[in-house]
């Protein structure tokens, strides 16, 4: 899988894709969310959190930079939209976050990708043709995610064929 594109037509569908994605997430994973403002990055993270067993409300960490949620895996939810310099990424201690029993999701992560470890899944969110349509493009970078790409495709295929 060099690239996988999925289209959703609602917030619920975006969250369902995130729930399916949770089946392949492992401790130490880094997930970068990129794309249009308001295209579903936080909605995706909410769906992922729910699938990981997080019971508290998930909100965008735009002003706090980071939120931590406890579930099957700890979810570190970061938003680097307001960072002004690449050096500020170091203060977030992302490599240390990847050492624990957690998955780290970074909204606007494409902006700081050069300062991050080389194994990550990037998910780009763009607006589709219809008002509620969103296109999610998954791109694996590094050996860890590339090795799981087939499993990711299979889990999405199963979730698409499952009855609602």
Foldseek 3Di string as FASTA:
>chain_A
DQKDKDKDQALVVLLLLLLLVLVLDFQLAEEEEAEDVPQHLQSSVQSVCVSQAFDDDGDQCPPVQWDWTDGVAIEIEGECPPPDDLVVVVVVVSNVRSPDRHYYYYYNCVVNVVVDDFFHKYWYWYADDDPRMIMIMIGTTDDVVVVCVVVSVVSVVVSVPDDD
